[in-house]
Amino acid sequence: MIYYAAFPVELAFEGYETFAPEYRSLPFARGCIIVEALSPTSFRIVGLISSEIQDYLQPQFQPGRIIDLYSNSSG
């Protein structure tokens, strides 16, 4: 990988060695959603595994979307 920046590479990758997110797999009808735990009640979608191609176009499965277990609306 080639990295170009106006600051030292040590500063750009600071904390990279200690970053260890906790991923979970949440099953649904046609596959599973891979999420990263942000708190005990909220998760960020990081991936999707589905047998239905149309699932990958659905906004509710987009990576980066936050799922809150105790809220009716998610952002």
N, C-alpha and C. Protein backbone atom coordinates (compact mmCIF):
# COMPACT_ATOMS: atom_id res chain seq x y z
N MET A 1 0.84 -1.17 0.00
CA MET A 1 0.00 0.00 0.00
C MET A 1 0.89 1.24 0.00
N ILE A 2 0.57 2.18 -0.83
CA ILE A 2 1.29 3.45 -0.88
C ILE A 2 0.45 4.48 -0.14
N TYR A 3 1.11 5.20 0.77
CA TYR A 3 0.42 6.17 1.60
C TYR A 3 1.08 7.53 1.42
N TYR A 4 0.33 8.52 0.94
CA TYR A 4 0.82 9.88 0.77
C TYR A 4 0.08 10.79 1.74
N ALA A 5 0.82 11.55 2.55
CA ALA A 5 0.20 12.49 3.48
C ALA A 5 1.20 13.58 3.84
N ALA A 6 0.67 14.67 4.36
CA ALA A 6 1.51 15.80 4.77
C ALA A 6 1.96 15.68 6.22
N PHE A 7 1.66 14.56 6.86
CA PHE A 7 2.07 14.34 8.24
C PHE A 7 2.66 12.93 8.36
N PRO A 8 3.39 12.65 9.45
CA PRO A 8 4.07 11.35 9.58
C PRO A 8 3.09 10.17 9.61
N VAL A 9 3.54 9.06 9.06
CA VAL A 9 2.72 7.85 9.02
C VAL A 9 2.38 7.35 10.42
N GLU A 10 3.26 7.58 11.38
CA GLU A 10 3.00 7.16 12.76
C GLU A 10 1.78 7.85 13.33
N LEU A 11 1.58 9.11 12.95
CA LEU A 11 0.43 9.87 13.41
C LEU A 11 -0.86 9.37 12.75
N ALA A 12 -0.79 9.02 11.49
CA ALA A 12 -1.97 8.55 10.75
C ALA A 12 -2.47 7.20 11.27
N PHE A 13 -1.57 6.32 11.63
CA PHE A 13 -1.96 4.98 12.06
C PHE A 13 -1.85 4.79 13.57
N GLU A 14 -1.85 5.88 14.31
CA GLU A 14 -1.78 5.81 15.77
C GLU A 14 -2.99 5.06 16.34
N GLY A 15 -2.75 4.06 17.15
CA GLY A 15 -3.82 3.27 17.76
C GLY A 15 -4.28 2.10 16.92
N TYR A 16 -3.73 1.93 15.73
CA TYR A 16 -4.15 0.85 14.83
C TYR A 16 -3.90 -0.53 15.44
N GLU A 17 -2.80 -0.69 16.14
CA GLU A 17 -2.45 -1.99 16.72
C GLU A 17 -3.40 -2.42 17.82
N THR A 18 -4.01 -1.45 18.51
CA THR A 18 -4.88 -1.78 19.63
C THR A 18 -6.36 -1.78 19.25
N PHE A 19 -6.69 -1.42 18.02
CA PHE A 19 -8.08 -1.39 17.58
C PHE A 19 -8.58 -2.81 17.39
N ALA A 20 -9.58 -3.22 18.19
CA ALA A 20 -10.13 -4.57 18.11
C ALA A 20 -11.65 -4.51 18.28
N PRO A 21 -12.38 -4.20 17.21
CA PRO A 21 -13.84 -4.10 17.33
C PRO A 21 -14.46 -5.47 17.59
N GLU A 22 -15.61 -5.44 18.22
CA GLU A 22 -16.35 -6.68 18.52
C GLU A 22 -17.47 -6.81 17.49
N TYR A 23 -17.35 -7.80 16.61
CA TYR A 23 -18.35 -8.04 15.58
C TYR A 23 -19.30 -9.15 16.00
N ARG A 24 -20.55 -9.02 15.59
CA ARG A 24 -21.56 -10.04 15.85
C ARG A 24 -22.33 -10.30 14.57
N SER A 25 -22.91 -11.46 14.48
CA SER A 25 -23.71 -11.85 13.34
C SER A 25 -25.16 -11.93 13.79
N LEU A 26 -26.03 -11.13 13.15
CA LEU A 26 -27.45 -11.14 13.48
C LEU A 26 -28.21 -11.82 12.34
N PRO A 27 -28.79 -12.99 12.58
CA PRO A 27 -29.49 -13.69 11.49
C PRO A 27 -30.82 -13.03 11.15
N PHE A 28 -31.20 -13.14 9.87
CA PHE A 28 -32.52 -12.75 9.43
C PHE A 28 -32.94 -13.76 8.36
N ALA A 29 -34.10 -13.62 7.77
CA ALA A 29 -34.72 -14.65 6.93
C ALA A 29 -33.81 -15.20 5.83
N ARG A 30 -33.05 -14.35 5.14
CA ARG A 30 -32.29 -14.81 3.98
C ARG A 30 -30.77 -14.78 4.18
N GLY A 31 -30.30 -14.57 5.40
CA GLY A 31 -28.87 -14.52 5.63
C GLY A 31 -28.55 -13.95 7.00
N CYS A 32 -27.53 -13.08 7.05
CA CYS A 32 -27.18 -12.46 8.33
C CYS A 32 -26.57 -11.08 8.08
N ILE A 33 -26.65 -10.26 9.11
CA ILE A 33 -26.08 -8.92 9.10
C ILE A 33 -24.90 -8.94 10.06
N ILE A 34 -23.75 -8.46 9.62
CA ILE A 34 -22.58 -8.37 10.47
C ILE A 34 -22.56 -6.97 11.07
N VAL A 35 -22.52 -6.90 12.42
CA VAL A 35 -22.59 -5.62 13.10
C VAL A 35 -21.41 -5.46 14.06
N GLU A 36 -21.09 -4.20 14.35
CA GLU A 36 -20.08 -3.84 15.33
C GLU A 36 -20.81 -3.26 16.53
N ALA A 37 -20.53 -3.76 17.71
CA ALA A 37 -21.18 -3.27 18.92
C ALA A 37 -20.62 -1.90 19.29
N LEU A 38 -21.51 -0.90 19.40
CA LEU A 38 -21.13 0.43 19.83
C LEU A 38 -21.40 0.61 21.32
N SER A 39 -22.45 -0.02 21.79
CA SER A 39 -22.85 -0.02 23.19
C SER A 39 -23.68 -1.30 23.37
N PRO A 40 -24.12 -1.59 24.59
CA PRO A 40 -24.95 -2.79 24.77
C PRO A 40 -26.27 -2.76 24.00
N THR A 41 -26.74 -1.57 23.62
CA THR A 41 -28.03 -1.48 22.93
C THR A 41 -27.96 -0.92 21.52
N SER A 42 -26.76 -0.58 21.01
CA SER A 42 -26.68 -0.04 19.65
C SER A 42 -25.54 -0.71 18.88
N PHE A 43 -25.78 -0.86 17.58
CA PHE A 43 -24.84 -1.54 16.71
C PHE A 43 -24.71 -0.78 15.39
N ARG A 44 -23.54 -0.90 14.74
CA ARG A 44 -23.31 -0.32 13.42
C ARG A 44 -23.18 -1.47 12.43
N ILE A 45 -23.92 -1.40 11.33
CA ILE A 45 -23.83 -2.44 10.31
C ILE A 45 -22.50 -2.29 9.57
N VAL A 46 -21.75 -3.40 9.48
CA VAL A 46 -20.49 -3.39 8.75
C VAL A 46 -20.52 -4.33 7.55
N GLY A 47 -21.50 -5.22 7.48
CA GLY A 47 -21.57 -6.13 6.35
C GLY A 47 -22.90 -6.85 6.26
N LEU A 48 -23.11 -7.49 5.13
CA LEU A 48 -24.34 -8.22 4.88
C LEU A 48 -24.00 -9.50 4.13
N ILE A 49 -24.60 -10.60 4.55
CA ILE A 49 -24.49 -11.86 3.84
C ILE A 49 -25.91 -12.31 3.56
N SER A 50 -26.28 -12.36 2.28
CA SER A 50 -27.65 -12.68 1.92
C SER A 50 -27.68 -13.47 0.62
N SER A 51 -28.66 -14.33 0.50
CA SER A 51 -28.86 -15.08 -0.74
C SER A 51 -29.73 -14.31 -1.73
N GLU A 52 -30.34 -13.23 -1.28
CA GLU A 52 -31.21 -12.41 -2.14
C GLU A 52 -30.45 -11.17 -2.59
N ILE A 53 -30.22 -11.02 -3.87
CA ILE A 53 -29.45 -9.91 -4.42
C ILE A 53 -30.08 -8.55 -4.11
N GLN A 54 -31.39 -8.46 -4.04
CA GLN A 54 -32.07 -7.20 -3.76
C GLN A 54 -31.82 -6.69 -2.34
N ASP A 55 -31.44 -7.57 -1.42
CA ASP A 55 -31.13 -7.13 -0.05
C ASP A 55 -29.97 -6.15 -0.02
N TYR A 56 -29.03 -6.28 -0.95
CA TYR A 56 -27.86 -5.41 -0.98
C TYR A 56 -28.21 -3.99 -1.42
N LEU A 57 -29.39 -3.78 -1.97
CA LEU A 57 -29.83 -2.45 -2.39
C LEU A 57 -30.75 -1.78 -1.37
N GLN A 58 -31.12 -2.48 -0.33
CA GLN A 58 -32.04 -1.96 0.67
C GLN A 58 -31.32 -1.00 1.63
N PRO A 59 -31.88 0.20 1.86
CA PRO A 59 -31.25 1.18 2.77
C PRO A 59 -31.11 0.68 4.20
N GLN A 60 -32.01 -0.18 4.66
CA GLN A 60 -31.93 -0.64 6.05
C GLN A 60 -30.74 -1.58 6.28
N PHE A 61 -30.09 -2.07 5.23
CA PHE A 61 -28.94 -2.95 5.36
C PHE A 61 -27.62 -2.28 4.99
N GLN A 62 -27.63 -0.97 4.75
CA GLN A 62 -26.42 -0.26 4.31
C GLN A 62 -25.36 -0.25 5.40
N PRO A 63 -24.10 -0.50 5.04
CA PRO A 63 -23.01 -0.38 6.02
C PRO A 63 -22.93 1.04 6.57
N GLY A 64 -22.69 1.14 7.86
CA GLY A 64 -22.62 2.43 8.52
C GLY A 64 -23.90 2.80 9.23
N ARG A 65 -25.00 2.14 8.90
CA ARG A 65 -26.29 2.44 9.53
C ARG A 65 -26.25 1.98 10.98
N ILE A 66 -26.78 2.80 11.87
CA ILE A 66 -26.83 2.50 13.30
C ILE A 66 -28.17 1.85 13.64
N ILE A 67 -28.11 0.74 14.36
CA ILE A 67 -29.31 0.04 14.84
C ILE A 67 -29.37 0.23 16.34
N ASP A 68 -30.45 0.82 16.83
CA ASP A 68 -30.66 1.01 18.27
C ASP A 68 -31.79 0.08 18.69
N LEU A 69 -31.53 -0.80 19.64
CA LEU A 69 -32.50 -1.81 20.03
C LEU A 69 -33.72 -1.24 20.74
N TYR A 70 -33.60 -0.08 21.38
CA TYR A 70 -34.70 0.48 22.15
C TYR A 70 -35.34 1.70 21.50
N SER A 71 -35.12 1.88 20.20
CA SER A 71 -35.68 3.02 19.50
C SER A 71 -36.50 2.54 18.31
N ASN A 72 -37.60 3.22 18.02
CA ASN A 72 -38.41 2.87 16.85
C ASN A 72 -37.79 3.37 15.56
N SER A 73 -37.01 4.44 15.62
CA SER A 73 -36.37 4.97 14.43
C SER A 73 -34.87 4.82 14.55
N SER A 74 -34.22 4.40 13.48
CA SER A 74 -32.76 4.24 13.46
C SER A 74 -32.19 5.19 12.42
N GLY A 75 -30.94 5.61 12.62
CA GLY A 75 -30.34 6.56 11.71
C GLY A 75 -29.25 6.05 10.98
